[in-house]
Amino acid sequence: MSIITGWITNIIVLILLATVLELLLPNSNMQRYVKMVIGLMLMAVILSPILTIFTKDFDAMLKSAALTDSTPDVRMENQIESKKSEIQASNAAYIEEQMAVQMKSQVEKELRDQFNLEITQVGLELQEGKGEKNIQQIAVTVRKAVESDVQEIEAVTVSSESKEEESHSTNARSKKVAYFLADKWGLYPNQVGVQVKGGE
């Protein structure tokens, strides 16, 4: 904008100078030459923006103009992409959470009836494929079902053999629960990992 105002100011100053010179010069042959020189100067001032284009590097001017025009578009595109990825991540987290809740409620009653266990946590590992998400692995944490607020106190025996037997029976029970859950959820048993918390 400052280039245009400077250009217009130069034209106005030159016209005022030409008018003052014409008034000061007497009628003679000299006045004709002064008018011709002032006319040439006026043409040069009017054409000066076009002449500056040819004196500067035209390719550099085009690149700078293209960069200034595209910079806001690139920023806007980057912002849109980042917002899009945030929305997709929150959607994926919500879908995983809802799937876990649904899967838990699907087997909750039968798990309690058959094994006297309840699910405390379900962790899903999803795999993307052809526009939909498939379950790749499930980590399930279970514990002994609590019937009421008061828990029974069990007798505690301490021996090295009982610990080994207990871990063996816990592993066997974990496998049974994993097979049960895989059957109910329509998965392979190796896709379901079960961890029993709190002992038998």
Protein backbone atom coordinates (compact mmCIF):
# COMPACT_ATOMS: atom_id res chain seq x y z
CA MET A 1 0.00 0.00 0.00
CA SER A 2 2.89 2.40 0.77
CA ILE A 3 4.26 1.79 -2.75
CA ILE A 4 1.01 3.01 -4.33
CA THR A 5 0.78 6.11 -2.11
CA GLY A 6 4.42 7.00 -2.88
CA TRP A 7 3.78 6.53 -6.61
CA ILE A 8 0.69 8.77 -6.56
CA THR A 9 2.53 11.39 -4.47
CA ASN A 10 5.37 11.51 -7.04
CA ILE A 11 2.89 12.03 -9.89
CA ILE A 12 1.11 14.86 -8.04
CA VAL A 13 4.41 16.59 -7.13
CA LEU A 14 5.60 16.38 -10.74
CA ILE A 15 2.34 17.83 -12.06
CA LEU A 16 2.52 20.72 -9.56
CA LEU A 17 6.18 21.35 -10.55
CA ALA A 18 5.23 21.35 -14.23
CA THR A 19 2.40 23.83 -13.59
CA VAL A 20 4.70 26.18 -11.65
CA LEU A 21 7.39 26.02 -14.38
CA GLU A 22 4.86 26.80 -17.11
CA LEU A 23 3.64 29.83 -15.19
CA LEU A 24 7.18 31.11 -14.58
CA LEU A 25 8.52 30.69 -18.13
CA PRO A 26 7.73 33.39 -20.69
CA ASN A 27 6.11 32.48 -24.02
CA SER A 28 9.06 31.40 -26.09
CA ASN A 29 10.65 28.40 -27.78
CA MET A 30 12.02 27.39 -24.39
CA GLN A 31 8.50 26.68 -23.08
CA ARG A 32 8.02 23.99 -25.73
CA TYR A 33 11.16 22.12 -24.63
CA VAL A 34 10.26 22.40 -20.95
CA LYS A 35 6.78 20.90 -21.67
CA MET A 36 8.41 18.03 -23.57
CA VAL A 37 10.89 17.31 -20.74
CA ILE A 38 8.17 17.50 -18.07
CA GLY A 39 5.95 15.18 -20.17
CA LEU A 40 8.79 12.65 -20.45
CA MET A 41 9.42 12.86 -16.71
CA LEU A 42 5.69 12.39 -16.03
CA MET A 43 5.66 9.30 -18.27
CA ALA A 44 8.71 7.93 -16.45
CA VAL A 45 7.05 8.46 -13.06
CA ILE A 46 3.79 6.84 -14.25
CA LEU A 47 5.67 3.84 -15.68
CA SER A 48 8.05 3.50 -12.69
CA PRO A 49 6.13 0.56 -11.03
CA ILE A 50 6.38 -1.40 -14.29
CA LEU A 51 10.08 -0.56 -14.60
CA THR A 52 10.76 -1.80 -11.03
CA ILE A 53 9.36 -5.20 -11.99
CA PHE A 54 11.93 -5.52 -14.77
CA THR A 55 14.81 -4.30 -12.63
CA LYS A 56 14.15 -6.81 -9.81
CA ASP A 57 14.38 -10.57 -10.07
CA PHE A 58 10.93 -11.51 -11.36
CA ASP A 59 11.17 -15.18 -10.32
CA ALA A 60 12.09 -14.23 -6.75
CA MET A 61 9.11 -11.86 -6.59
CA LEU A 62 6.75 -14.61 -7.79
CA LYS A 63 8.15 -17.09 -5.24
CA SER A 64 7.80 -14.64 -2.36
CA ALA A 65 4.24 -13.82 -3.43
CA ALA A 66 3.39 -17.52 -3.66
CA LEU A 67 4.95 -18.21 -0.24
CA THR A 68 3.06 -15.40 1.47
CA ASP A 69 -0.18 -16.57 -0.12
CA SER A 70 0.31 -20.27 0.74
CA THR A 71 1.67 -19.83 4.28
CA PRO A 72 -1.75 -19.25 5.92
CA ASP A 73 -3.19 -22.19 3.95
CA VAL A 74 -0.39 -24.50 5.17
CA ARG A 75 -0.91 -23.38 8.77
CA MET A 76 -4.65 -23.89 8.47
CA GLU A 77 -4.13 -27.34 6.94
CA ASN A 78 -1.74 -28.31 9.76
CA GLN A 79 -4.23 -27.14 12.38
CA ILE A 80 -7.02 -29.12 10.72
CA GLU A 81 -4.85 -32.25 10.59
CA SER A 82 -3.88 -31.94 14.28
CA LYS A 83 -7.53 -31.43 15.32
CA LYS A 84 -8.54 -34.39 13.16
CA SER A 85 -5.93 -36.66 14.78
CA GLU A 86 -7.03 -35.50 18.28
CA ILE A 87 -10.67 -36.30 17.47
CA GLN A 88 -9.74 -39.70 16.04
CA ALA A 89 -7.66 -40.54 19.13
CA SER A 90 -10.48 -39.56 21.51
CA ASN A 91 -12.97 -41.53 19.40
CA ALA A 92 -10.72 -44.60 19.47
CA ALA A 93 -10.32 -44.33 23.26
CA TYR A 94 -14.09 -44.00 23.70
CA ILE A 95 -14.76 -47.00 21.42
CA GLU A 96 -12.22 -49.13 23.34
CA GLU A 97 -13.78 -48.15 26.65
CA GLN A 98 -17.30 -48.94 25.44
CA MET A 99 -16.17 -52.28 23.99
CA ALA A 100 -14.53 -53.21 27.31
CA VAL A 101 -17.69 -52.31 29.27
CA GLN A 102 -19.89 -54.27 26.86
CA MET A 103 -17.62 -57.33 26.90
CA LYS A 104 -17.46 -57.24 30.70
CA SER A 105 -21.23 -57.07 31.09
CA GLN A 106 -21.67 -59.87 28.53
CA VAL A 107 -19.86 -62.48 30.69
CA GLU A 108 -20.22 -61.04 34.18
CA LYS A 109 -23.08 -63.26 35.44
CA GLU A 110 -21.81 -66.55 34.02
CA LEU A 111 -18.26 -65.88 35.24
CA ARG A 112 -19.59 -65.32 38.75
CA ASP A 113 -21.78 -68.44 38.61
CA GLN A 114 -19.17 -70.82 37.16
CA PHE A 115 -15.91 -69.59 38.68
CA ASN A 116 -17.01 -67.28 41.52
CA LEU A 117 -14.89 -64.52 39.92
CA GLU A 118 -15.55 -60.97 38.79
CA ILE A 119 -13.72 -58.86 36.21
CA THR A 120 -11.91 -55.85 37.63
CA GLN A 121 -10.17 -54.65 34.48
CA VAL A 122 -10.30 -55.26 30.72
CA GLY A 123 -7.48 -53.99 28.50
CA LEU A 124 -7.91 -54.12 24.74
CA GLU A 125 -5.27 -54.07 22.04
CA LEU A 126 -6.94 -53.30 18.72
CA GLN A 127 -5.60 -53.78 15.21
CA GLU A 128 -6.81 -51.64 12.30
CA GLY A 129 -7.83 -53.42 9.15
CA LYS A 130 -10.00 -52.48 6.17
CA GLY A 131 -11.77 -49.58 7.86
CA GLU A 132 -12.67 -51.49 11.05
CA LYS A 133 -10.85 -52.35 14.24
CA ASN A 134 -10.27 -55.98 15.18
CA ILE A 135 -9.34 -57.26 18.62
CA GLN A 136 -5.77 -58.47 18.62
CA GLN A 137 -5.25 -59.14 22.33
CA ILE A 138 -7.28 -58.80 25.55
CA ALA A 139 -5.79 -58.59 29.04
CA VAL A 140 -8.35 -59.42 31.73
CA THR A 141 -7.81 -59.06 35.46
CA VAL A 142 -10.22 -61.01 37.70
CA ARG A 143 -10.64 -61.47 41.43
CA LYS A 144 -12.77 -63.57 43.71
CA ALA A 145 -16.35 -62.35 43.67
CA VAL A 146 -17.38 -60.51 46.80
CA GLU A 147 -20.83 -61.59 47.97
CA SER A 148 -21.28 -58.91 50.60
CA ASP A 149 -19.36 -56.13 52.31
CA VAL A 150 -18.07 -58.56 54.95
CA GLN A 151 -15.46 -60.97 53.65
CA GLU A 152 -14.78 -64.34 55.19
CA ILE A 153 -11.35 -64.83 56.70
CA GLU A 154 -9.71 -67.96 55.43
CA ALA A 155 -7.24 -70.08 57.32
CA VAL A 156 -3.67 -69.33 56.36
CA THR A 157 -1.08 -72.08 56.14
CA VAL A 158 2.52 -71.33 55.36
CA SER A 159 4.66 -73.86 53.56
CA SER A 160 6.77 -73.89 50.39
CA GLU A 161 4.76 -76.74 48.86
CA SER A 162 1.44 -74.94 49.32
CA LYS A 163 2.76 -71.87 47.44
CA GLU A 164 3.79 -73.97 44.47
CA GLU A 165 0.48 -75.83 44.47
CA GLU A 166 -1.39 -72.53 44.78
CA SER A 167 0.45 -70.97 41.82
CA HIS A 168 -0.12 -74.13 39.78
CA SER A 169 -3.84 -74.14 40.58
CA THR A 170 -4.03 -70.38 39.85
CA ASN A 171 -2.42 -70.94 36.43
CA ALA A 172 -4.83 -73.79 35.68
CA ARG A 173 -7.77 -71.65 36.75
CA SER A 174 -6.48 -68.73 34.64
CA LYS A 175 -6.38 -71.02 31.60
CA LYS A 176 -9.92 -72.26 32.24
CA VAL A 177 -11.17 -68.69 32.58
CA ALA A 178 -9.28 -67.67 29.42
CA TYR A 179 -10.91 -70.51 27.45
CA PHE A 180 -14.31 -69.58 28.86
CA LEU A 181 -13.92 -65.88 27.97
CA ALA A 182 -12.53 -66.64 24.50
CA ASP A 183 -15.52 -68.88 23.81
CA LYS A 184 -18.01 -66.23 24.97
CA TRP A 185 -16.32 -63.40 23.04
CA GLY A 186 -15.70 -65.45 19.88
CA LEU A 187 -11.92 -65.23 20.07
CA TYR A 188 -9.01 -67.65 20.12
CA PRO A 189 -7.79 -68.63 23.61
CA ASN A 190 -4.29 -67.27 22.87
CA GLN A 191 -5.86 -63.82 22.36
CA VAL A 192 -7.15 -63.70 25.95
CA GLY A 193 -4.74 -63.25 28.86
CA VAL A 194 -6.21 -63.71 32.34
CA GLN A 195 -4.59 -62.67 35.61
CA VAL A 196 -6.20 -63.75 38.88
CA LYS A 197 -5.68 -61.21 41.67
CA GLY A 198 -6.10 -61.91 45.36
CA GLY A 199 -5.64 -65.68 45.32
CA GLU A 200 -8.35 -68.32 45.32
